[in-house]
Amino acid sequence: MACVAVTWARPESTYTDKWDNINVDEILESNRLLKGYVDCLLGKGRCTPDGKALKETLPDALEHECVKCTGKQKLGADKVIRHLVNKRPDLWKELAVKYDPDNIYQARYKDKIDAVKGSA
């Protein structure tokens, strides 16, 4: 029993890779799909199963610098950030207000955010 308890208590090394093969480009190119995900994250709309997982994972990923993200998740996150910062700053701002009201993460990731500005 002690072995089972230790296994359950141990944090996962990475988030689930169940949705690693989602076509991020397709979502970013579709205003309808992108808005659906953003509305889910903002609590303004229904969430797909993958949107729900993202909504649950996002605060931890922000807090811990995505250390549990798989390689594909990190690449996808970079692509999404680049797109939002450069092409949809309105959505970026809404998400920042919700997930970073005190500008903690904007300050922590300032260099990364500045690096993607202008590089769509």
Protein backbone atom coordinates (compact mmCIF):
# COMPACT_ATOMS: atom_id res chain seq x y z
CA MET A 1 0.00 0.00 0.00
CA ALA A 2 2.80 2.44 0.81
CA CYS A 3 4.24 1.94 -2.68
CA VAL A 4 0.89 2.81 -4.26
CA ALA A 5 0.56 5.92 -2.09
CA VAL A 6 4.04 7.12 -3.06
CA THR A 7 3.28 6.53 -6.75
CA TRP A 8 0.03 8.49 -6.55
CA ALA A 9 1.64 11.32 -4.60
CA ARG A 10 4.54 11.69 -7.05
CA PRO A 11 3.86 14.42 -9.61
CA GLU A 12 3.78 13.46 -13.26
CA SER A 13 6.97 14.28 -15.13
CA THR A 14 5.01 15.79 -18.03
CA TYR A 15 1.44 16.77 -18.80
CA THR A 16 -0.54 14.26 -20.82
CA ASP A 17 0.50 14.06 -24.45
CA LYS A 18 -3.03 13.04 -25.42
CA TRP A 19 -3.54 16.23 -27.43
CA ASP A 20 0.00 16.75 -28.73
CA ASN A 21 -1.08 16.09 -32.31
CA ILE A 22 -3.71 18.82 -32.46
CA ASN A 23 -3.15 21.01 -35.50
CA VAL A 24 -2.30 24.34 -33.84
CA ASP A 25 -1.95 26.06 -37.23
CA GLU A 26 -5.51 25.10 -38.15
CA ILE A 27 -6.80 26.63 -34.90
CA LEU A 28 -4.78 29.83 -35.34
CA GLU A 29 -5.92 30.24 -38.96
CA SER A 30 -9.60 29.90 -38.05
CA ASN A 31 -11.17 32.84 -36.23
CA ARG A 32 -14.04 30.57 -35.16
CA LEU A 33 -11.80 27.89 -33.65
CA LEU A 34 -9.44 30.39 -32.03
CA LYS A 35 -12.33 32.34 -30.54
CA GLY A 36 -13.78 29.08 -29.20
CA TYR A 37 -10.58 28.26 -27.36
CA VAL A 38 -10.16 31.80 -26.03
CA ASP A 39 -13.79 31.92 -24.89
CA CYS A 40 -13.26 28.61 -23.12
CA LEU A 41 -10.13 29.89 -21.38
CA LEU A 42 -11.92 33.08 -20.36
CA GLY A 43 -14.95 31.22 -19.05
CA LYS A 44 -17.16 32.84 -21.70
CA GLY A 45 -18.04 29.71 -23.64
CA ARG A 46 -18.16 25.96 -23.72
CA CYS A 47 -14.94 23.99 -23.66
CA THR A 48 -14.02 21.07 -25.85
CA PRO A 49 -12.23 18.27 -23.95
CA ASP A 50 -8.85 19.59 -25.11
CA GLY A 51 -9.87 23.17 -24.27
CA LYS A 52 -10.88 22.04 -20.80
CA ALA A 53 -7.52 20.29 -20.32
CA LEU A 54 -5.71 23.44 -21.47
CA LYS A 55 -7.76 25.58 -19.09
CA GLU A 56 -6.88 23.28 -16.19
CA THR A 57 -3.19 23.07 -17.11
CA LEU A 58 -2.46 26.68 -18.08
CA PRO A 59 -2.10 28.17 -14.57
CA ASP A 60 0.38 25.47 -13.55
CA ALA A 61 2.32 25.80 -16.80
CA LEU A 62 2.59 29.57 -16.33
CA GLU A 63 3.62 29.25 -12.70
CA HIS A 64 6.28 26.61 -13.34
CA GLU A 65 7.62 27.80 -16.70
CA CYS A 66 6.11 24.87 -18.59
CA VAL A 67 8.53 22.37 -17.02
CA LYS A 68 5.93 19.58 -17.37
CA CYS A 69 5.18 20.47 -21.01
CA THR A 70 6.18 17.97 -23.68
CA GLY A 71 8.38 19.20 -26.51
CA LYS A 72 5.35 19.50 -28.81
CA GLN A 73 3.46 21.46 -26.17
CA LYS A 74 6.34 23.92 -25.83
CA LEU A 75 6.52 24.39 -29.60
CA GLY A 76 2.75 24.82 -29.79
CA ALA A 77 2.78 27.33 -26.93
CA ASP A 78 5.50 29.36 -28.65
CA LYS A 79 3.51 29.36 -31.89
CA VAL A 80 0.32 30.45 -30.12
CA ILE A 81 2.10 33.22 -28.19
CA ARG A 82 3.77 34.50 -31.37
CA HIS A 83 0.42 34.53 -33.18
CA LEU A 84 -1.52 36.24 -30.39
CA VAL A 85 1.14 38.86 -29.66
CA ASN A 86 1.54 39.80 -33.32
CA LYS A 87 -1.83 39.14 -34.93
CA ARG A 88 -4.41 39.14 -32.14
CA PRO A 89 -3.19 41.49 -29.41
CA ASP A 90 -6.82 41.98 -28.37
CA LEU A 91 -7.09 38.31 -27.41
CA TRP A 92 -3.61 38.34 -25.85
CA LYS A 93 -4.67 41.23 -23.62
CA GLU A 94 -7.91 39.50 -22.57
CA LEU A 95 -6.01 36.34 -21.65
CA ALA A 96 -3.38 38.36 -19.79
CA VAL A 97 -6.06 40.11 -17.73
CA LYS A 98 -7.56 36.73 -16.79
CA TYR A 99 -4.39 34.70 -16.19
CA ASP A 100 -1.94 37.43 -15.20
CA PRO A 101 -3.85 40.28 -13.55
CA ASP A 102 -0.78 41.35 -11.55
CA ASN A 103 1.61 41.21 -14.54
CA ILE A 104 3.75 38.57 -12.83
CA TYR A 105 4.13 36.37 -15.91
CA GLN A 106 4.32 39.28 -18.36
CA ALA A 107 7.33 40.49 -16.36
CA ARG A 108 8.83 37.00 -15.93
CA TYR A 109 8.56 36.20 -19.64
CA LYS A 110 9.21 39.75 -20.93
CA ASP A 111 12.32 38.76 -22.90
CA LYS A 112 10.50 35.87 -24.58
CA ILE A 113 7.47 38.01 -25.40
CA ASP A 114 9.65 40.82 -26.76
CA ALA A 115 11.58 38.29 -28.85
CA VAL A 116 8.45 37.16 -30.69
CA LYS A 117 7.07 40.63 -31.36
CA GLY A 118 7.18 41.33 -35.06
CA SER A 119 8.05 37.72 -35.91
CA ALA A 120 4.77 36.31 -37.10
